PDB file of all heavy atoms in Angstrom:
ATOM      1  N   HIS A   1       2.907 -16.719   1.627  1.00  0.00           N
ATOM      2  CA  HIS A   1       3.898 -15.500   1.496  1.00  0.00           C
ATOM      3  C   HIS A   1       3.236 -14.206   1.366  1.00  0.00           C
ATOM      4  O   HIS A   1       3.680 -13.132   1.953  1.00  0.00           O
ATOM      5  CB  HIS A   1       4.892 -15.806   0.442  1.00  0.00           C
ATOM      6  CG  HIS A   1       5.727 -17.061   0.642  1.00  0.00           C
ATOM      7  ND1 HIS A   1       6.670 -17.131   1.673  1.00  0.00           N
ATOM      8  CD2 HIS A   1       5.786 -18.201  -0.068  1.00  0.00           C
ATOM      9  CE1 HIS A   1       7.229 -18.339   1.614  1.00  0.00           C
ATOM     10  NE2 HIS A   1       6.640 -19.055   0.615  1.00  0.00           N
ATOM     11  N   SER A   2       2.138 -14.258   0.626  1.00  0.00           N
ATOM     12  CA  SER A   2       1.419 -12.889   0.358  1.00  0.00           C
ATOM     13  C   SER A   2       0.878 -12.423   1.718  1.00  0.00           C
ATOM     14  O   SER A   2       0.882 -11.160   2.034  1.00  0.00           O
ATOM     15  CB  SER A   2       0.357 -13.058  -0.650  1.00  0.00           C
ATOM     16  OG  SER A   2       0.927 -13.369  -1.890  1.00  0.00           O
ATOM     17  N   ALA A   3       0.331 -13.336   2.559  1.00  0.00           N
ATOM     18  CA  ALA A   3      -0.242 -12.911   3.791  1.00  0.00           C
ATOM     19  C   ALA A   3       0.926 -12.371   4.693  1.00  0.00           C
ATOM     20  O   ALA A   3       0.637 -11.371   5.470  1.00  0.00           O
ATOM     21  CB  ALA A   3      -0.915 -14.062   4.472  1.00  0.00           C
ATOM     22  N   THR A   4       2.073 -12.912   4.729  1.00  0.00           N
ATOM     23  CA  THR A   4       3.168 -12.458   5.431  1.00  0.00           C
ATOM     24  C   THR A   4       3.708 -11.132   5.108  1.00  0.00           C
ATOM     25  O   THR A   4       3.873 -10.268   5.802  1.00  0.00           O
ATOM     26  CB  THR A   4       4.387 -13.467   5.360  1.00  0.00           C
ATOM     27  OG1 THR A   4       3.915 -14.809   5.802  1.00  0.00           O
ATOM     28  CG2 THR A   4       5.539 -13.026   6.316  1.00  0.00           C
ATOM     29  N   LEU A   5       3.650 -10.956   3.743  1.00  0.00           N
ATOM     30  CA  LEU A   5       4.162  -9.612   3.188  1.00  0.00           C
ATOM     31  C   LEU A   5       2.913  -8.578   3.611  1.00  0.00           C
ATOM     32  O   LEU A   5       3.493  -7.423   4.040  1.00  0.00           O
ATOM     33  CB  LEU A   5       4.128  -9.615   1.731  1.00  0.00           C
ATOM     34  CG  LEU A   5       5.472 -10.233   1.086  1.00  0.00           C
ATOM     35  CD1 LEU A   5       5.327 -10.410  -0.357  1.00  0.00           C
ATOM     36  CD2 LEU A   5       6.669  -9.413   1.441  1.00  0.00           C
ATOM     37  N   LEU A   6       1.776  -8.905   3.598  1.00  0.00           N
ATOM     38  CA  LEU A   6       0.748  -7.947   4.027  1.00  0.00           C
ATOM     39  C   LEU A   6       0.988  -7.544   5.501  1.00  0.00           C
ATOM     40  O   LEU A   6       0.685  -6.388   5.798  1.00  0.00           O
ATOM     41  CB  LEU A   6      -0.621  -8.613   3.784  1.00  0.00           C
ATOM     42  CG  LEU A   6      -1.851  -7.712   4.081  1.00  0.00           C
ATOM     43  CD1 LEU A   6      -1.811  -6.423   3.126  1.00  0.00           C
ATOM     44  CD2 LEU A   6      -3.129  -8.413   3.865  1.00  0.00           C
ATOM     45  N   GLU A   7       1.244  -8.571   6.320  1.00  0.00           N
ATOM     46  CA  GLU A   7       1.496  -8.206   7.800  1.00  0.00           C
ATOM     47  C   GLU A   7       2.631  -7.116   7.860  1.00  0.00           C
ATOM     48  O   GLU A   7       2.460  -6.270   8.715  1.00  0.00           O
ATOM     49  CB  GLU A   7       1.881  -9.517   8.538  1.00  0.00           C
ATOM     50  CG  GLU A   7       0.692 -10.379   8.701  1.00  0.00           C
ATOM     51  CD  GLU A   7       1.067 -11.682   9.493  1.00  0.00           C
ATOM     52  OE1 GLU A   7       2.071 -11.627  10.348  1.00  0.00           O
ATOM     53  OE2 GLU A   7       0.572 -12.691   9.139  1.00  0.00           O
ATOM     54  N   TYR A   8       3.588  -7.346   7.025  1.00  0.00           N
ATOM     55  CA  TYR A   8       4.772  -6.379   7.147  1.00  0.00           C
ATOM     56  C   TYR A   8       4.370  -5.023   6.672  1.00  0.00           C
ATOM     57  O   TYR A   8       4.684  -3.931   7.179  1.00  0.00           O
ATOM     58  CB  TYR A   8       6.028  -6.857   6.383  1.00  0.00           C
ATOM     59  CG  TYR A   8       6.739  -7.845   7.131  1.00  0.00           C
ATOM     60  CD1 TYR A   8       6.821  -9.113   6.664  1.00  0.00           C
ATOM     61  CD2 TYR A   8       7.519  -7.646   8.365  1.00  0.00           C
ATOM     62  CE1 TYR A   8       7.478 -10.249   7.309  1.00  0.00           C
ATOM     63  CE2 TYR A   8       8.213  -8.560   8.956  1.00  0.00           C
ATOM     64  CZ  TYR A   8       8.211  -9.867   8.458  1.00  0.00           C
ATOM     65  OH  TYR A   8       8.936 -10.831   9.047  1.00  0.00           O
ATOM     66  N   MET A   9       3.541  -5.063   5.688  1.00  0.00           N
ATOM     67  CA  MET A   9       3.044  -3.678   4.994  1.00  0.00           C
ATOM     68  C   MET A   9       2.218  -2.968   5.953  1.00  0.00           C
ATOM     69  O   MET A   9       2.232  -1.776   6.016  1.00  0.00           O
ATOM     70  CB  MET A   9       2.289  -4.121   3.686  1.00  0.00           C
ATOM     71  CG  MET A   9       3.160  -4.531   2.536  1.00  0.00           C
ATOM     72  SD  MET A   9       2.214  -5.110   1.207  1.00  0.00           S
ATOM     73  CE  MET A   9       1.683  -3.694   0.450  1.00  0.00           C
ATOM     74  N   LEU A  10       1.462  -3.635   6.822  1.00  0.00           N
ATOM     75  CA  LEU A  10       0.610  -3.012   7.786  1.00  0.00           C
ATOM     76  C   LEU A  10       1.342  -2.277   8.812  1.00  0.00           C
ATOM     77  O   LEU A  10       0.860  -1.344   9.425  1.00  0.00           O
ATOM     78  CB  LEU A  10      -0.301  -4.068   8.499  1.00  0.00           C
ATOM     79  CG  LEU A  10      -1.528  -4.634   7.665  1.00  0.00           C
ATOM     80  CD1 LEU A  10      -2.034  -5.843   8.276  1.00  0.00           C
ATOM     81  CD2 LEU A  10      -2.549  -3.494   7.491  1.00  0.00           C
ATOM     82  N   LYS A  11       2.592  -2.586   8.987  1.00  0.00           N
ATOM     83  CA  LYS A  11       3.469  -1.921  10.019  1.00  0.00           C
ATOM     84  C   LYS A  11       4.238  -0.742   9.442  1.00  0.00           C
ATOM     85  O   LYS A  11       4.935  -0.177  10.228  1.00  0.00           O
ATOM     86  CB  LYS A  11       4.416  -2.956  10.695  1.00  0.00           C
ATOM     87  CG  LYS A  11       3.715  -4.121  11.354  1.00  0.00           C
ATOM     88  CD  LYS A  11       4.752  -5.120  11.878  1.00  0.00           C
ATOM     89  CE  LYS A  11       3.813  -6.215  12.524  1.00  0.00           C
ATOM     90  NZ  LYS A  11       4.699  -7.288  12.944  1.00  0.00           N
ATOM     91  N   ASP A  12       4.051  -0.448   8.163  1.00  0.00           N
ATOM     92  CA  ASP A  12       4.802   0.660   7.598  1.00  0.00           C
ATOM     93  C   ASP A  12       4.375   2.028   8.221  1.00  0.00           C
ATOM     94  O   ASP A  12       3.240   2.202   8.523  1.00  0.00           O
ATOM     95  CB  ASP A  12       4.508   0.688   6.149  1.00  0.00           C
ATOM     96  CG  ASP A  12       5.455   1.733   5.368  1.00  0.00           C
ATOM     97  OD1 ASP A  12       5.218   2.837   5.380  1.00  0.00           O
ATOM     98  OD2 ASP A  12       6.423   1.236   4.709  1.00  0.00           O
ATOM     99  N   LYS A  13       5.411   2.790   8.407  1.00  0.00           N
ATOM    100  CA  LYS A  13       5.078   4.155   9.137  1.00  0.00           C
ATOM    101  C   LYS A  13       4.280   5.160   8.386  1.00  0.00           C
ATOM    102  O   LYS A  13       3.701   5.992   8.941  1.00  0.00           O
ATOM    103  CB  LYS A  13       6.432   4.821   9.509  1.00  0.00           C
ATOM    104  CG  LYS A  13       7.269   5.220   8.346  1.00  0.00           C
ATOM    105  CD  LYS A  13       8.699   5.782   8.832  1.00  0.00           C
ATOM    106  CE  LYS A  13       9.557   6.166   7.730  1.00  0.00           C
ATOM    107  NZ  LYS A  13      10.808   6.605   8.126  1.00  0.00           N
ATOM    108  N   LYS A  14       4.163   4.887   7.022  1.00  0.00           N
ATOM    109  CA  LYS A  14       3.347   5.847   6.133  1.00  0.00           C
ATOM    110  C   LYS A  14       1.887   5.563   6.247  1.00  0.00           C
ATOM    111  O   LYS A  14       1.078   6.355   5.772  1.00  0.00           O
ATOM    112  CB  LYS A  14       3.968   5.803   4.800  1.00  0.00           C
ATOM    113  CG  LYS A  14       5.261   6.357   4.540  1.00  0.00           C
ATOM    114  CD  LYS A  14       5.783   6.315   3.194  1.00  0.00           C
ATOM    115  CE  LYS A  14       5.874   4.924   2.587  1.00  0.00           C
ATOM    116  NZ  LYS A  14       6.887   3.990   3.182  1.00  0.00           N
ATOM    117  N   ASN A  15       1.517   4.452   6.791  1.00  0.00           N
ATOM    118  CA  ASN A  15       0.113   4.067   6.968  1.00  0.00           C
ATOM    119  C   ASN A  15      -0.663   5.076   7.936  1.00  0.00           C
ATOM    120  O   ASN A  15      -0.090   5.572   8.837  1.00  0.00           O
ATOM    121  CB  ASN A  15      -0.138   2.651   7.458  1.00  0.00           C
ATOM    122  CG  ASN A  15       0.507   1.689   6.392  1.00  0.00           C
ATOM    123  OD1 ASN A  15       0.645   1.974   5.226  1.00  0.00           O
ATOM    124  ND2 ASN A  15       0.784   0.516   6.890  1.00  0.00           N
ATOM    125  N   GLN A  16      -1.895   5.254   7.635  1.00  0.00           N
ATOM    126  CA  GLN A  16      -2.650   5.993   8.520  1.00  0.00           C
ATOM    127  C   GLN A  16      -3.934   5.348   8.837  1.00  0.00           C
ATOM    128  O   GLN A  16      -4.646   4.775   8.156  1.00  0.00           O
ATOM    129  CB  GLN A  16      -3.056   7.328   7.791  1.00  0.00           C
ATOM    130  CG  GLN A  16      -1.858   8.173   7.393  1.00  0.00           C
ATOM    131  CD  GLN A  16      -2.224   9.390   6.505  1.00  0.00           C
ATOM    132  OE1 GLN A  16      -3.373   9.526   6.103  1.00  0.00           O
ATOM    133  NE2 GLN A  16      -1.296  10.211   6.233  1.00  0.00           N
ATOM    134  N   ASN A  17      -4.246   5.409  10.230  1.00  0.00           N
ATOM    135  CA  ASN A  17      -5.506   4.843  10.803  1.00  0.00           C
ATOM    136  C   ASN A  17      -5.663   3.310  10.521  1.00  0.00           C
ATOM    137  O   ASN A  17      -6.748   2.908  10.138  1.00  0.00           O
ATOM    138  CB  ASN A  17      -6.651   5.677  10.357  1.00  0.00           C
ATOM    139  CG  ASN A  17      -6.602   7.064  10.877  1.00  0.00           C
ATOM    140  OD1 ASN A  17      -6.197   7.318  11.977  1.00  0.00           O
ATOM    141  ND2 ASN A  17      -6.977   7.981  10.067  1.00  0.00           N
ATOM    142  N   GLY A  18      -4.583   2.599  10.432  1.00  0.00           N
ATOM    143  CA  GLY A  18      -4.619   1.125  10.086  1.00  0.00           C
ATOM    144  C   GLY A  18      -4.882   0.822   8.650  1.00  0.00           C
ATOM    145  O   GLY A  18      -5.150  -0.274   8.326  1.00  0.00           O
ATOM    146  N   LYS A  19      -4.764   1.802   7.763  1.00  0.00           N
ATOM    147  CA  LYS A  19      -4.972   1.615   6.338  1.00  0.00           C
ATOM    148  C   LYS A  19      -3.630   1.662   5.606  1.00  0.00           C
ATOM    149  O   LYS A  19      -2.815   2.642   5.871  1.00  0.00           O
ATOM    150  CB  LYS A  19      -5.981   2.674   5.795  1.00  0.00           C
ATOM    151  CG  LYS A  19      -7.347   2.405   6.355  1.00  0.00           C
ATOM    152  CD  LYS A  19      -8.356   3.348   5.824  1.00  0.00           C
ATOM    153  CE  LYS A  19      -9.621   3.238   6.362  1.00  0.00           C
ATOM    154  NZ  LYS A  19     -10.670   4.154   6.009  1.00  0.00           N
ATOM    155  N   ILE A  20      -3.397   0.804   4.656  1.00  0.00           N
ATOM    156  CA  ILE A  20      -2.134   0.930   3.860  1.00  0.00           C
ATOM    157  C   ILE A  20      -2.061   1.987   2.934  1.00  0.00           C
ATOM    158  O   ILE A  20      -2.964   2.012   2.047  1.00  0.00           O
ATOM    159  CB  ILE A  20      -1.793  -0.470   3.286  1.00  0.00           C
ATOM    160  CG1 ILE A  20      -1.694  -1.541   4.439  1.00  0.00           C
ATOM    161  CG2 ILE A  20      -0.638  -0.531   2.425  1.00  0.00           C
ATOM    162  CD1 ILE A  20      -1.509  -2.980   4.021  1.00  0.00           C
ATOM    163  N   ASN A  21      -1.096   2.785   2.938  1.00  0.00           N
ATOM    164  CA  ASN A  21      -1.044   3.960   2.181  1.00  0.00           C
ATOM    165  C   ASN A  21      -0.026   3.551   0.965  1.00  0.00           C
ATOM    166  O   ASN A  21       1.193   3.278   1.288  1.00  0.00           O
ATOM    167  CB  ASN A  21      -0.575   5.182   2.937  1.00  0.00           C
ATOM    168  CG  ASN A  21      -0.509   6.443   2.198  1.00  0.00           C
ATOM    169  OD1 ASN A  21      -1.122   6.474   1.117  1.00  0.00           O
ATOM    170  ND2 ASN A  21      -0.035   7.516   2.793  1.00  0.00           N
ATOM    171  N   CYS A  22      -0.349   3.676  -0.247  1.00  0.00           N
ATOM    172  CA  CYS A  22       0.482   3.238  -1.355  1.00  0.00           C
ATOM    173  C   CYS A  22       0.714   4.306  -2.267  1.00  0.00           C
ATOM    174  O   CYS A  22      -0.010   5.285  -2.380  1.00  0.00           O
ATOM    175  CB  CYS A  22      -0.256   2.154  -2.170  1.00  0.00           C
ATOM    176  SG  CYS A  22      -0.598   0.577  -1.205  1.00  0.00           S
ATOM    177  N   THR A  23       1.962   4.314  -2.922  1.00  0.00           N
ATOM    178  CA  THR A  23       2.231   5.156  -4.012  1.00  0.00           C
ATOM    179  C   THR A  23       2.228   4.330  -5.285  1.00  0.00           C
ATOM    180  O   THR A  23       2.913   3.150  -5.301  1.00  0.00           O
ATOM    181  CB  THR A  23       3.787   5.650  -3.781  1.00  0.00           C
ATOM    182  OG1 THR A  23       3.737   6.520  -2.586  1.00  0.00           O
ATOM    183  CG2 THR A  23       4.106   6.561  -4.936  1.00  0.00           C
ATOM    184  N   LEU A  24       1.514   4.730  -6.210  1.00  0.00           N
ATOM    185  CA  LEU A  24       1.295   3.904  -7.472  1.00  0.00           C
ATOM    186  C   LEU A  24       1.639   4.648  -8.766  1.00  0.00           C
ATOM    187  O   LEU A  24       1.607   5.836  -8.789  1.00  0.00           O
ATOM    188  CB  LEU A  24      -0.295   3.591  -7.617  1.00  0.00           C
ATOM    189  CG  LEU A  24      -0.853   2.830  -6.362  1.00  0.00           C
ATOM    190  CD1 LEU A  24      -2.377   2.786  -6.571  1.00  0.00           C
ATOM    191  CD2 LEU A  24      -0.342   1.530  -6.141  1.00  0.00           C
ATOM    192  N   LEU A  25       2.162   3.927  -9.578  1.00  0.00           N
ATOM    193  CA  LEU A  25       2.720   4.459 -10.919  1.00  0.00           C
ATOM    194  C   LEU A  25       1.470   4.575 -11.805  1.00  0.00           C
ATOM    195  O   LEU A  25       0.727   3.706 -12.029  1.00  0.00           O
ATOM    196  CB  LEU A  25       3.732   3.612 -11.545  1.00  0.00           C
ATOM    197  CG  LEU A  25       5.038   3.474 -10.844  1.00  0.00           C
ATOM    198  CD1 LEU A  25       5.981   2.456 -11.580  1.00  0.00           C
ATOM    199  CD2 LEU A  25       5.740   4.808 -10.628  1.00  0.00           C
ATOM    200  N   SER A  26       1.399   5.818 -12.431  1.00  0.00           N
ATOM    201  CA  SER A  26       0.276   5.994 -13.492  1.00  0.00           C
ATOM    202  C   SER A  26       0.912   5.860 -14.893  1.00  0.00           C
ATOM    203  O   SER A  26       0.193   5.221 -15.675  1.00  0.00           O
ATOM    204  CB  SER A  26      -0.393   7.337 -13.293  1.00  0.00           C
ATOM    205  OG  SER A  26       0.605   8.369 -13.296  1.00  0.00           O
ATOM    206  N   THR A  27       2.098   6.369 -15.118  1.00  0.00           N
ATOM    207  CA  THR A  27       2.794   6.123 -16.334  1.00  0.00           C
ATOM    208  C   THR A  27       4.268   6.227 -16.035  1.00  0.00           C
ATOM    209  O   THR A  27       4.582   6.547 -14.771  1.00  0.00           O
ATOM    210  CB  THR A  27       2.461   7.189 -17.401  1.00  0.00           C
ATOM    211  OG1 THR A  27       2.745   8.591 -16.870  1.00  0.00           O
ATOM    212  CG2 THR A  27       0.982   7.285 -17.818  1.00  0.00           C
ATOM    213  N   ILE A  28       5.103   5.991 -16.983  1.00  0.00           N
ATOM    214  CA  ILE A  28       6.488   6.085 -16.711  1.00  0.00           C
ATOM    215  C   ILE A  28       6.831   7.482 -16.154  1.00  0.00           C
ATOM    216  O   ILE A  28       6.528   8.492 -16.946  1.00  0.00           O
ATOM    217  CB  ILE A  28       7.440   5.708 -17.990  1.00  0.00           C
ATOM    218  CG1 ILE A  28       7.080   4.210 -18.351  1.00  0.00           C
ATOM    219  CG2 ILE A  28       8.869   5.946 -17.746  1.00  0.00           C
ATOM    220  CD1 ILE A  28       7.724   3.837 -19.672  1.00  0.00           C
ATOM    221  N   GLY A  29       7.510   7.590 -15.042  1.00  0.00           N
ATOM    222  CA  GLY A  29       7.921   8.811 -14.501  1.00  0.00           C
ATOM    223  C   GLY A  29       6.814   9.678 -13.769  1.00  0.00           C
ATOM    224  O   GLY A  29       6.935  10.636 -13.273  1.00  0.00           O
ATOM    225  N   GLN A  30       5.542   9.076 -13.800  1.00  0.00           N
ATOM    226  CA  GLN A  30       4.368   9.828 -13.121  1.00  0.00           C
ATOM    227  C   GLN A  30       3.926   8.833 -12.046  1.00  0.00           C
ATOM    228  O   GLN A  30       3.754   7.603 -12.287  1.00  0.00           O
ATOM    229  CB  GLN A  30       3.399  10.086 -14.149  1.00  0.00           C
ATOM    230  CG  GLN A  30       3.811  11.089 -15.202  1.00  0.00           C
ATOM    231  CD  GLN A  30       4.013  12.445 -14.807  1.00  0.00           C
ATOM    232  OE1 GLN A  30       3.293  12.872 -13.923  1.00  0.00           O
ATOM    233  NE2 GLN A  30       5.164  12.976 -15.150  1.00  0.00           N
ATOM    234  N   PHE A  31       3.521   9.426 -10.887  1.00  0.00           N
ATOM    235  CA  PHE A  31       3.008   8.590  -9.822  1.00  0.00           C
ATOM    236  C   PHE A  31       1.978   9.341  -9.084  1.00  0.00           C
ATOM    237  O   PHE A  31       1.763  10.513  -9.076  1.00  0.00           O
ATOM    238  CB  PHE A  31       4.146   8.181  -8.872  1.00  0.00           C
ATOM    239  CG  PHE A  31       4.944   9.475  -8.376  1.00  0.00           C
ATOM    240  CD1 PHE A  31       4.533  10.063  -7.212  1.00  0.00           C
ATOM    241  CD2 PHE A  31       6.021   9.903  -9.012  1.00  0.00           C
ATOM    242  CE1 PHE A  31       5.112  11.079  -6.630  1.00  0.00           C
ATOM    243  CE2 PHE A  31       6.647  11.016  -8.528  1.00  0.00           C
ATOM    244  CZ  PHE A  31       6.255  11.675  -7.341  1.00  0.00           C
ATOM    245  N   ASN A  32       1.200   8.596  -8.236  1.00  0.00           N
ATOM    246  CA  ASN A  32       0.157   9.110  -7.357  1.00  0.00           C
ATOM    247  C   ASN A  32       0.416   8.690  -6.032  1.00  0.00           C
ATOM    248  O   ASN A  32       0.630   7.421  -5.738  1.00  0.00           O
ATOM    249  CB  ASN A  32      -1.168   8.624  -7.785  1.00  0.00           C
ATOM    250  CG  ASN A  32      -1.629   9.066  -9.227  1.00  0.00           C
ATOM    251  OD1 ASN A  32      -1.520  10.301  -9.499  1.00  0.00           O
ATOM    252  ND2 ASN A  32      -2.017   8.120 -10.064  1.00  0.00           N
ATOM    253  N   ILE A  33       0.468   9.651  -5.049  1.00  0.00           N
ATOM    254  CA  ILE A  33       0.779   9.205  -3.755  1.00  0.00           C
ATOM    255  C   ILE A  33      -0.511   9.189  -2.832  1.00  0.00           C
ATOM    256  O   ILE A  33      -1.595   9.700  -3.322  1.00  0.00           O
ATOM    257  CB  ILE A  33       1.870  10.288  -3.029  1.00  0.00           C
ATOM    258  CG1 ILE A  33       1.274  11.602  -3.031  1.00  0.00           C
ATOM    259  CG2 ILE A  33       3.208  10.100  -3.636  1.00  0.00           C
ATOM    260  CD1 ILE A  33       2.225  12.662  -2.386  1.00  0.00           C
ATOM    261  N   ASP A  34      -0.407   8.663  -1.672  1.00  0.00           N
ATOM    262  CA  ASP A  34      -1.601   8.542  -0.806  1.00  0.00           C
ATOM    263  C   ASP A  34      -2.784   7.867  -1.350  1.00  0.00           C
ATOM    264  O   ASP A  34      -3.927   8.342  -1.232  1.00  0.00           O
ATOM    265  CB  ASP A  34      -1.896   9.990  -0.349  1.00  0.00           C
ATOM    266  CG  ASP A  34      -0.902  10.702   0.513  1.00  0.00           C
ATOM    267  OD1 ASP A  34      -0.034   9.992   1.188  1.00  0.00           O
ATOM    268  OD2 ASP A  34      -0.820  11.948   0.452  1.00  0.00           O
ATOM    269  N   ASN A  35      -2.526   6.776  -1.920  1.00  0.00           N
ATOM    270  CA  ASN A  35      -3.621   5.814  -2.347  1.00  0.00           C
ATOM    271  C   ASN A  35      -3.782   4.691  -1.366  1.00  0.00           C
ATOM    272  O   ASN A  35      -3.028   4.017  -0.965  1.00  0.00           O
ATOM    273  CB  ASN A  35      -3.288   5.079  -3.763  1.00  0.00           C
ATOM    274  CG  ASN A  35      -3.112   6.181  -4.799  1.00  0.00           C
ATOM    275  OD1 ASN A  35      -3.960   6.714  -5.384  1.00  0.00           O
ATOM    276  ND2 ASN A  35      -1.806   6.452  -5.061  1.00  0.00           N
ATOM    277  N   VAL A  36      -5.061   4.764  -0.786  1.00  0.00           N
ATOM    278  CA  VAL A  36      -5.373   3.739   0.218  1.00  0.00           C
ATOM    279  C   VAL A  36      -5.841   2.498  -0.565  1.00  0.00           C
ATOM    280  O   VAL A  36      -6.816   2.545  -1.406  1.00  0.00           O
ATOM    281  CB  VAL A  36      -6.404   4.225   1.213  1.00  0.00           C
ATOM    282  CG1 VAL A  36      -6.825   3.141   2.142  1.00  0.00           C
ATOM    283  CG2 VAL A  36      -5.873   5.325   1.932  1.00  0.00           C
ATOM    284  N   CYS A  37      -5.236   1.324  -0.314  1.00  0.00           N
ATOM    285  CA  CYS A  37      -5.587   0.076  -0.813  1.00  0.00           C
ATOM    286  C   CYS A  37      -6.195  -0.889   0.145  1.00  0.00           C
ATOM    287  O   CYS A  37      -5.646  -0.857   1.250  1.00  0.00           O
ATOM    288  CB  CYS A  37      -4.435  -0.591  -1.503  1.00  0.00           C
ATOM    289  SG  CYS A  37      -3.719   0.376  -2.954  1.00  0.00           S
ATOM    290  N   THR A  38      -7.190  -1.674  -0.210  1.00  0.00           N
ATOM    291  CA  THR A  38      -7.780  -2.652   0.732  1.00  0.00           C
ATOM    292  C   THR A  38      -6.775  -3.804   0.851  1.00  0.00           C
ATOM    293  O   THR A  38      -5.985  -4.076  -0.122  1.00  0.00           O
ATOM    294  CB  THR A  38      -9.170  -3.031   0.266  1.00  0.00           C
ATOM    295  OG1 THR A  38      -9.038  -3.802  -0.905  1.00  0.00           O
ATOM    296  CG2 THR A  38     -10.024  -1.836   0.176  1.00  0.00           C
ATOM    297  N   ASN A  39      -6.962  -4.576   1.837  1.00  0.00           N
ATOM    298  CA  ASN A  39      -6.239  -5.893   2.045  1.00  0.00           C
ATOM    299  C   ASN A  39      -6.474  -6.786   0.899  1.00  0.00           C
ATOM    300  O   ASN A  39      -5.477  -7.428   0.340  1.00  0.00           O
ATOM    301  CB  ASN A  39      -6.515  -6.514   3.292  1.00  0.00           C
ATOM    302  CG  ASN A  39      -5.924  -5.656   4.519  1.00  0.00           C
ATOM    303  OD1 ASN A  39      -5.352  -4.792   4.422  1.00  0.00           O
ATOM    304  ND2 ASN A  39      -6.278  -6.221   5.722  1.00  0.00           N
ATOM    305  N   ASP A  40      -7.700  -6.932   0.447  1.00  0.00           N
ATOM    306  CA  ASP A  40      -8.047  -7.741  -0.642  1.00  0.00           C
ATOM    307  C   ASP A  40      -7.372  -7.333  -1.938  1.00  0.00           C
ATOM    308  O   ASP A  40      -6.912  -8.158  -2.690  1.00  0.00           O
ATOM    309  CB  ASP A  40      -9.564  -7.754  -0.911  1.00  0.00           C
ATOM    310  CG  ASP A  40     -10.314  -8.561   0.211  1.00  0.00           C
ATOM    311  OD1 ASP A  40      -9.597  -9.421   0.943  1.00  0.00           O
ATOM    312  OD2 ASP A  40     -11.476  -8.381   0.344  1.00  0.00           O
ATOM    313  N   GLU A  41      -7.314  -5.993  -2.260  1.00  0.00           N
ATOM    314  CA  GLU A  41      -6.615  -5.490  -3.479  1.00  0.00           C
ATOM    315  C   GLU A  41      -5.141  -5.753  -3.353  1.00  0.00           C
ATOM    316  O   GLU A  41      -4.528  -6.288  -4.356  1.00  0.00           O
ATOM    317  CB  GLU A  41      -6.799  -3.992  -3.513  1.00  0.00           C
ATOM    318  CG  GLU A  41      -8.255  -3.595  -3.953  1.00  0.00           C
ATOM    319  CD  GLU A  41      -8.453  -2.075  -3.721  1.00  0.00           C
ATOM    320  OE1 GLU A  41      -7.756  -1.448  -2.914  1.00  0.00           O
ATOM    321  OE2 GLU A  41      -9.252  -1.585  -4.576  1.00  0.00           O
ATOM    322  N   LEU A  42      -4.593  -5.547  -2.199  1.00  0.00           N
ATOM    323  CA  LEU A  42      -3.179  -5.910  -2.065  1.00  0.00           C
ATOM    324  C   LEU A  42      -2.814  -7.412  -2.164  1.00  0.00           C
ATOM    325  O   LEU A  42      -1.841  -7.756  -2.930  1.00  0.00           O
ATOM    326  CB  LEU A  42      -2.591  -5.330  -0.704  1.00  0.00           C
ATOM    327  CG  LEU A  42      -2.623  -3.799  -0.557  1.00  0.00           C
ATOM    328  CD1 LEU A  42      -2.421  -3.393   0.820  1.00  0.00           C
ATOM    329  CD2 LEU A  42      -1.568  -3.188  -1.499  1.00  0.00           C
ATOM    330  N   LEU A  43      -3.645  -8.150  -1.593  1.00  0.00           N
ATOM    331  CA  LEU A  43      -3.440  -9.669  -1.651  1.00  0.00           C
ATOM    332  C   LEU A  43      -3.606 -10.172  -3.055  1.00  0.00           C
ATOM    333  O   LEU A  43      -2.873 -11.007  -3.528  1.00  0.00           O
ATOM    334  CB  LEU A  43      -4.327 -10.368  -0.691  1.00  0.00           C
ATOM    335  CG  LEU A  43      -3.927 -10.374   0.675  1.00  0.00           C
ATOM    336  CD1 LEU A  43      -5.082 -11.065   1.603  1.00  0.00           C
ATOM    337  CD2 LEU A  43      -2.612 -11.060   0.914  1.00  0.00           C
TER     338      LEU A  43
END
C-alpha cells in the first residue's frame, strides 16, 4: 500500500523535476514548504 501511495504522490502537480515536494509541520501552526523528500524517506 505504501508503494501504491508513493506512485500517486509522484504524480502530484506540486512536484518538480520528478522529486516529491512536501510541506512539513515544524510545530503547531508552523510549517515549512518546498521540502524535497526521497522515496526512501517517504516509504
